[in-house]
Amino acid sequence: MKDAGCDREIITKICRLYADGQIQDAVKVLRRHRCHLMEQLHESQSKVDCLDFLVRQMERSQR
């Protein structure tokens, strides 16, 4: 879970839920974390797209 970007708090919570047999709740926590990571990914992709646009614009202006 650490490799997936889960912090100590999330890991502890998931392990506790899993050990208590609350598998569905543990999965919900993992899915929420996944959603958070996907939001960050989309935000980063948007920033990269903006930078790509700026680079293309600057390269065109040199011609």
PDB file of N, CA and C in Angstrom:
ATOM      1  N   MET A   1       0.819  -1.189   0.000  1.00  0.00           N
ATOM      2  CA  MET A   1       0.000   0.000   0.000  1.00  0.00           C
ATOM      3  C   MET A   1       0.862   1.252   0.000  1.00  0.00           C
ATOM      4  N   LYS A   2       2.000   1.158   0.609  1.00  0.00           N
ATOM      5  CA  LYS A   2       2.896   2.314   0.625  1.00  0.00           C
ATOM      6  C   LYS A   2       3.318   2.673  -0.795  1.00  0.00           C
ATOM      7  N   ASP A   3       3.575   1.650  -1.618  1.00  0.00           N
ATOM      8  CA  ASP A   3       3.948   1.897  -3.009  1.00  0.00           C
ATOM      9  C   ASP A   3       2.819   2.544  -3.803  1.00  0.00           C
ATOM     10  N   ALA A   4       1.592   2.388  -3.324  1.00  0.00           N
ATOM     11  CA  ALA A   4       0.434   2.985  -3.985  1.00  0.00           C
ATOM     12  C   ALA A   4       0.148   4.391  -3.468  1.00  0.00           C
ATOM     13  N   GLY A   5       1.028   4.914  -2.622  1.00  0.00           N
ATOM     14  CA  GLY A   5       0.878   6.275  -2.140  1.00  0.00           C
ATOM     15  C   GLY A   5       0.031   6.410  -0.884  1.00  0.00           C
ATOM     16  N   CYS A   6      -0.290   5.302  -0.256  1.00  0.00           N
ATOM     17  CA  CYS A   6      -1.070   5.373   0.985  1.00  0.00           C
ATOM     18  C   CYS A   6      -0.159   5.816   2.128  1.00  0.00           C
ATOM     19  N   ASP A   7      -0.658   6.759   2.913  1.00  0.00           N
ATOM     20  CA  ASP A   7       0.124   7.176   4.072  1.00  0.00           C
ATOM     21  C   ASP A   7      -0.134   6.232   5.237  1.00  0.00           C
ATOM     22  N   ARG A   8       0.590   6.434   6.310  1.00  0.00           N
ATOM     23  CA  ARG A   8       0.513   5.534   7.469  1.00  0.00           C
ATOM     24  C   ARG A   8      -0.908   5.454   8.024  1.00  0.00           C
ATOM     25  N   GLU A   9      -1.597   6.583   8.048  1.00  0.00           N
ATOM     26  CA  GLU A   9      -2.960   6.616   8.592  1.00  0.00           C
ATOM     27  C   GLU A   9      -3.913   5.733   7.772  1.00  0.00           C
ATOM     28  N   ILE A  10      -3.837   5.851   6.462  1.00  0.00           N
ATOM     29  CA  ILE A  10      -4.698   5.048   5.590  1.00  0.00           C
ATOM     30  C   ILE A  10      -4.346   3.567   5.712  1.00  0.00           C
ATOM     31  N   ILE A  11      -3.058   3.267   5.727  1.00  0.00           N
ATOM     32  CA  ILE A  11      -2.628   1.871   5.847  1.00  0.00           C
ATOM     33  C   ILE A  11      -3.140   1.260   7.143  1.00  0.00           C
ATOM     34  N   THR A  12      -3.003   2.008   8.229  1.00  0.00           N
ATOM     35  CA  THR A  12      -3.480   1.518   9.529  1.00  0.00           C
ATOM     36  C   THR A  12      -4.986   1.271   9.493  1.00  0.00           C
ATOM     37  N   LYS A  13      -5.709   2.210   8.919  1.00  0.00           N
ATOM     38  CA  LYS A  13      -7.165   2.086   8.848  1.00  0.00           C
ATOM     39  C   LYS A  13      -7.565   0.866   8.023  1.00  0.00           C
ATOM     40  N   ILE A  14      -6.947   0.684   6.878  1.00  0.00           N
ATOM     41  CA  ILE A  14      -7.275  -0.455   6.013  1.00  0.00           C
ATOM     42  C   ILE A  14      -6.938  -1.766   6.709  1.00  0.00           C
ATOM     43  N   CYS A  15      -5.781  -1.849   7.322  1.00  0.00           N
ATOM     44  CA  CYS A  15      -5.381  -3.077   8.022  1.00  0.00           C
ATOM     45  C   CYS A  15      -6.332  -3.402   9.161  1.00  0.00           C
ATOM     46  N   ARG A  16      -6.749  -2.367   9.898  1.00  0.00           N
ATOM     47  CA  ARG A  16      -7.678  -2.578  11.007  1.00  0.00           C
ATOM     48  C   ARG A  16      -9.018  -3.085  10.485  1.00  0.00           C
ATOM     49  N   LEU A  17      -9.529  -2.439   9.444  1.00  0.00           N
ATOM     50  CA  LEU A  17     -10.804  -2.871   8.876  1.00  0.00           C
ATOM     51  C   LEU A  17     -10.717  -4.303   8.349  1.00  0.00           C
ATOM     52  N   TYR A  18      -9.630  -4.601   7.654  1.00  0.00           N
ATOM     53  CA  TYR A  18      -9.446  -5.942   7.096  1.00  0.00           C
ATOM     54  C   TYR A  18      -9.362  -6.994   8.201  1.00  0.00           C
ATOM     55  N   ALA A  19      -8.593  -6.687   9.231  1.00  0.00           N
ATOM     56  CA  ALA A  19      -8.442  -7.630  10.352  1.00  0.00           C
ATOM     57  C   ALA A  19      -9.765  -7.854  11.083  1.00  0.00           C
ATOM     58  N   ASP A  20     -10.611  -6.827  11.107  1.00  0.00           N
ATOM     59  CA  ASP A  20     -11.912  -6.937  11.760  1.00  0.00           C
ATOM     60  C   ASP A  20     -12.961  -7.586  10.855  1.00  0.00           C
ATOM     61  N   GLY A  21     -12.533  -7.977   9.646  1.00  0.00           N
ATOM     62  CA  GLY A  21     -13.465  -8.624   8.724  1.00  0.00           C
ATOM     63  C   GLY A  21     -14.348  -7.669   7.953  1.00  0.00           C
ATOM     64  N   GLN A  22     -14.023  -6.388   8.047  1.00  0.00           N
ATOM     65  CA  GLN A  22     -14.807  -5.364   7.335  1.00  0.00           C
ATOM     66  C   GLN A  22     -14.163  -5.092   5.967  1.00  0.00           C
ATOM     67  N   ILE A  23     -14.183  -6.120   5.147  1.00  0.00           N
ATOM     68  CA  ILE A  23     -13.493  -6.067   3.860  1.00  0.00           C
ATOM     69  C   ILE A  23     -14.095  -4.986   2.958  1.00  0.00           C
ATOM     70  N   GLN A  24     -15.409  -4.915   2.907  1.00  0.00           N
ATOM     71  CA  GLN A  24     -16.050  -3.914   2.038  1.00  0.00           C
ATOM     72  C   GLN A  24     -15.666  -2.496   2.446  1.00  0.00           C
ATOM     73  N   ASP A  25     -15.570  -2.249   3.732  1.00  0.00           N
ATOM     74  CA  ASP A  25     -15.168  -0.919   4.194  1.00  0.00           C
ATOM     75  C   ASP A  25     -13.710  -0.636   3.842  1.00  0.00           C
ATOM     76  N   ALA A  26     -12.865  -1.654   3.935  1.00  0.00           N
ATOM     77  CA  ALA A  26     -11.463  -1.481   3.558  1.00  0.00           C
ATOM     78  C   ALA A  26     -11.357  -1.165   2.071  1.00  0.00           C
ATOM     79  N   VAL A  27     -12.153  -1.849   1.278  1.00  0.00           N
ATOM     80  CA  VAL A  27     -12.161  -1.603  -0.177  1.00  0.00           C
ATOM     81  C   VAL A  27     -12.640  -0.181  -0.461  1.00  0.00           C
ATOM     82  N   LYS A  28     -13.644   0.290   0.271  1.00  0.00           N
ATOM     83  CA  LYS A  28     -14.131   1.661   0.086  1.00  0.00           C
ATOM     84  C   LYS A  28     -13.022   2.679   0.338  1.00  0.00           C
ATOM     85  N   VAL A  29     -12.233   2.447   1.379  1.00  0.00           N
ATOM     86  CA  VAL A  29     -11.126   3.357   1.688  1.00  0.00           C
ATOM     87  C   VAL A  29     -10.112   3.345   0.545  1.00  0.00           C
ATOM     88  N   LEU A  30      -9.809   2.154   0.043  1.00  0.00           N
ATOM     89  CA  LEU A  30      -8.871   2.045  -1.087  1.00  0.00           C
ATOM     90  C   LEU A  30      -9.418   2.743  -2.330  1.00  0.00           C
ATOM     91  N   ARG A  31     -10.691   2.574  -2.587  1.00  0.00           N
ATOM     92  CA  ARG A  31     -11.303   3.223  -3.761  1.00  0.00           C
ATOM     93  C   ARG A  31     -11.290   4.750  -3.624  1.00  0.00           C
ATOM     94  N   ARG A  32     -11.541   5.246  -2.411  1.00  0.00           N
ATOM     95  CA  ARG A  32     -11.476   6.702  -2.194  1.00  0.00           C
ATOM     96  C   ARG A  32     -10.068   7.219  -2.446  1.00  0.00           C
ATOM     97  N   HIS A  33      -9.086   6.454  -1.966  1.00  0.00           N
ATOM     98  CA  HIS A  33      -7.700   6.864  -2.184  1.00  0.00           C
ATOM     99  C   HIS A  33      -7.374   6.849  -3.679  1.00  0.00           C
ATOM    100  N   ARG A  34      -7.875   5.843  -4.379  1.00  0.00           N
ATOM    101  CA  ARG A  34      -7.665   5.760  -5.824  1.00  0.00           C
ATOM    102  C   ARG A  34      -8.265   6.982  -6.523  1.00  0.00           C
ATOM    103  N   CYS A  35      -9.479   7.354  -6.125  1.00  0.00           N
ATOM    104  CA  CYS A  35     -10.127   8.536  -6.709  1.00  0.00           C
ATOM    105  C   CYS A  35      -9.292   9.789  -6.479  1.00  0.00           C
ATOM    106  N   HIS A  36      -8.762   9.902  -5.280  1.00  0.00           N
ATOM    107  CA  HIS A  36      -7.908  11.050  -4.958  1.00  0.00           C
ATOM    108  C   HIS A  36      -6.677  11.078  -5.872  1.00  0.00           C
ATOM    109  N   LEU A  37      -6.061   9.920  -6.054  1.00  0.00           N
ATOM    110  CA  LEU A  37      -4.889   9.844  -6.930  1.00  0.00           C
ATOM    111  C   LEU A  37      -5.255  10.179  -8.371  1.00  0.00           C
ATOM    112  N   MET A  38      -6.413   9.729  -8.822  1.00  0.00           N
ATOM    113  CA  MET A  38      -6.848  10.026 -10.187  1.00  0.00           C
ATOM    114  C   MET A  38      -7.097  11.516 -10.372  1.00  0.00           C
ATOM    115  N   GLU A  39      -7.657  12.167  -9.357  1.00  0.00           N
ATOM    116  CA  GLU A  39      -7.859  13.615  -9.425  1.00  0.00           C
ATOM    117  C   GLU A  39      -6.515  14.334  -9.561  1.00  0.00           C
ATOM    118  N   GLN A  40      -5.532  13.889  -8.790  1.00  0.00           N
ATOM    119  CA  GLN A  40      -4.205  14.482  -8.875  1.00  0.00           C
ATOM    120  C   GLN A  40      -3.598  14.250 -10.253  1.00  0.00           C
ATOM    121  N   LEU A  41      -3.802  13.053 -10.795  1.00  0.00           N
ATOM    122  CA  LEU A  41      -3.291  12.724 -12.123  1.00  0.00           C
ATOM    123  C   LEU A  41      -3.900  13.643 -13.174  1.00  0.00           C
ATOM    124  N   HIS A  42      -5.215  13.839 -13.106  1.00  0.00           N
ATOM    125  CA  HIS A  42      -5.881  14.696 -14.079  1.00  0.00           C
ATOM    126  C   HIS A  42      -5.429  16.148 -13.957  1.00  0.00           C
ATOM    127  N   GLU A  43      -5.231  16.602 -12.735  1.00  0.00           N
ATOM    128  CA  GLU A  43      -4.731  17.966 -12.539  1.00  0.00           C
ATOM    129  C   GLU A  43      -3.336  18.112 -13.129  1.00  0.00           C
ATOM    130  N   SER A  44      -2.492  17.128 -12.902  1.00  0.00           N
ATOM    131  CA  SER A  44      -1.133  17.164 -13.454  1.00  0.00           C
ATOM    132  C   SER A  44      -1.167  17.115 -14.972  1.00  0.00           C
ATOM    133  N   GLN A  45      -2.046  16.280 -15.535  1.00  0.00           N
ATOM    134  CA  GLN A  45      -2.152  16.183 -16.991  1.00  0.00           C
ATOM    135  C   GLN A  45      -2.590  17.513 -17.583  1.00  0.00           C
ATOM    136  N   SER A  46      -3.505  18.179 -16.914  1.00  0.00           N
ATOM    137  CA  SER A  46      -3.961  19.482 -17.390  1.00  0.00           C
ATOM    138  C   SER A  46      -2.814  20.493 -17.395  1.00  0.00           C
ATOM    139  N   LYS A  47      -1.993  20.451 -16.376  1.00  0.00           N
ATOM    140  CA  LYS A  47      -0.837  21.356 -16.308  1.00  0.00           C
ATOM    141  C   LYS A  47       0.161  21.045 -17.415  1.00  0.00           C
ATOM    142  N   VAL A  48       0.382  19.767 -17.677  1.00  0.00           N
ATOM    143  CA  VAL A  48       1.290  19.365 -18.762  1.00  0.00           C
ATOM    144  C   VAL A  48       0.734  19.831 -20.099  1.00  0.00           C
ATOM    145  N   ASP A  49      -0.570  19.693 -20.298  1.00  0.00           N
ATOM    146  CA  ASP A  49      -1.193  20.154 -21.537  1.00  0.00           C
ATOM    147  C   ASP A  49      -0.994  21.658 -21.721  1.00  0.00           C
ATOM    148  N   CYS A  50      -1.124  22.416 -20.651  1.00  0.00           N
ATOM    149  CA  CYS A  50      -0.908  23.866 -20.729  1.00  0.00           C
ATOM    150  C   CYS A  50       0.540  24.182 -21.105  1.00  0.00           C
ATOM    151  N   LEU A  51       1.466  23.470 -20.499  1.00  0.00           N
ATOM    152  CA  LEU A  51       2.874  23.691 -20.824  1.00  0.00           C
ATOM    153  C   LEU A  51       3.166  23.329 -22.274  1.00  0.00           C
ATOM    154  N   ASP A  52       2.594  22.228 -22.751  1.00  0.00           N
ATOM    155  CA  ASP A  52       2.775  21.838 -24.145  1.00  0.00           C
ATOM    156  C   ASP A  52       2.257  22.919 -25.081  1.00  0.00           C
ATOM    157  N   PHE A  53       1.112  23.488 -24.748  1.00  0.00           N
ATOM    158  CA  PHE A  53       0.544  24.567 -25.558  1.00  0.00           C
ATOM    159  C   PHE A  53       1.487  25.767 -25.587  1.00  0.00           C
ATOM    160  N   LEU A  54       1.989  26.151 -24.420  1.00  0.00           N
ATOM    161  CA  LEU A  54       2.900  27.294 -24.362  1.00  0.00           C
ATOM    162  C   LEU A  54       4.168  27.049 -25.171  1.00  0.00           C
ATOM    163  N   VAL A  55       4.702  25.856 -25.081  1.00  0.00           N
ATOM    164  CA  VAL A  55       5.911  25.516 -25.838  1.00  0.00           C
ATOM    165  C   VAL A  55       5.627  25.625 -27.337  1.00  0.00           C
ATOM    166  N   ARG A  56       4.498  25.071 -27.780  1.00  0.00           N
ATOM    167  CA  ARG A  56       4.155  25.149 -29.210  1.00  0.00           C
ATOM    168  C   ARG A  56       3.997  26.591 -29.659  1.00  0.00           C
ATOM    169  N   GLN A  57       3.340  27.390 -28.832  1.00  0.00           N
ATOM    170  CA  GLN A  57       3.162  28.807 -29.174  1.00  0.00           C
ATOM    171  C   GLN A  57       4.491  29.533 -29.294  1.00  0.00           C
ATOM    172  N   MET A  58       5.391  29.281 -28.358  1.00  0.00           N
ATOM    173  CA  MET A  58       6.688  29.945 -28.395  1.00  0.00           C
ATOM    174  C   MET A  58       7.510  29.483 -29.598  1.00  0.00           C
ATOM    175  N   GLU A  59       7.437  28.199 -29.897  1.00  0.00           N
ATOM    176  CA  GLU A  59       8.174  27.685 -31.060  1.00  0.00           C
ATOM    177  C   GLU A  59       7.622  28.274 -32.353  1.00  0.00           C
ATOM    178  N   ARG A  60       6.309  28.434 -32.450  1.00  0.00           N
ATOM    179  CA  ARG A  60       5.697  29.043 -33.648  1.00  0.00           C
ATOM    180  C   ARG A  60       6.123  30.495 -33.802  1.00  0.00           C
ATOM    181  N   SER A  61       6.242  31.196 -32.684  1.00  0.00           N
ATOM    182  CA  SER A  61       6.590  32.618 -32.762  1.00  0.00           C
ATOM    183  C   SER A  61       8.027  32.831 -33.219  1.00  0.00           C
ATOM    184  N   GLN A  62       8.863  31.798 -33.107  1.00  0.00           N
ATOM    185  CA  GLN A  62      10.251  31.905 -33.563  1.00  0.00           C
ATOM    186  C   GLN A  62      10.363  31.807 -35.071  1.00  0.00           C
ATOM    187  N   ARG A  63       9.397  31.229 -35.723  1.00  0.00           N
ATOM    188  CA  ARG A  63       9.484  30.987 -37.167  1.00  0.00           C
ATOM    189  C   ARG A  63       9.284  32.219 -37.971  1.00  0.00           C
TER     190      ARG A  63
END
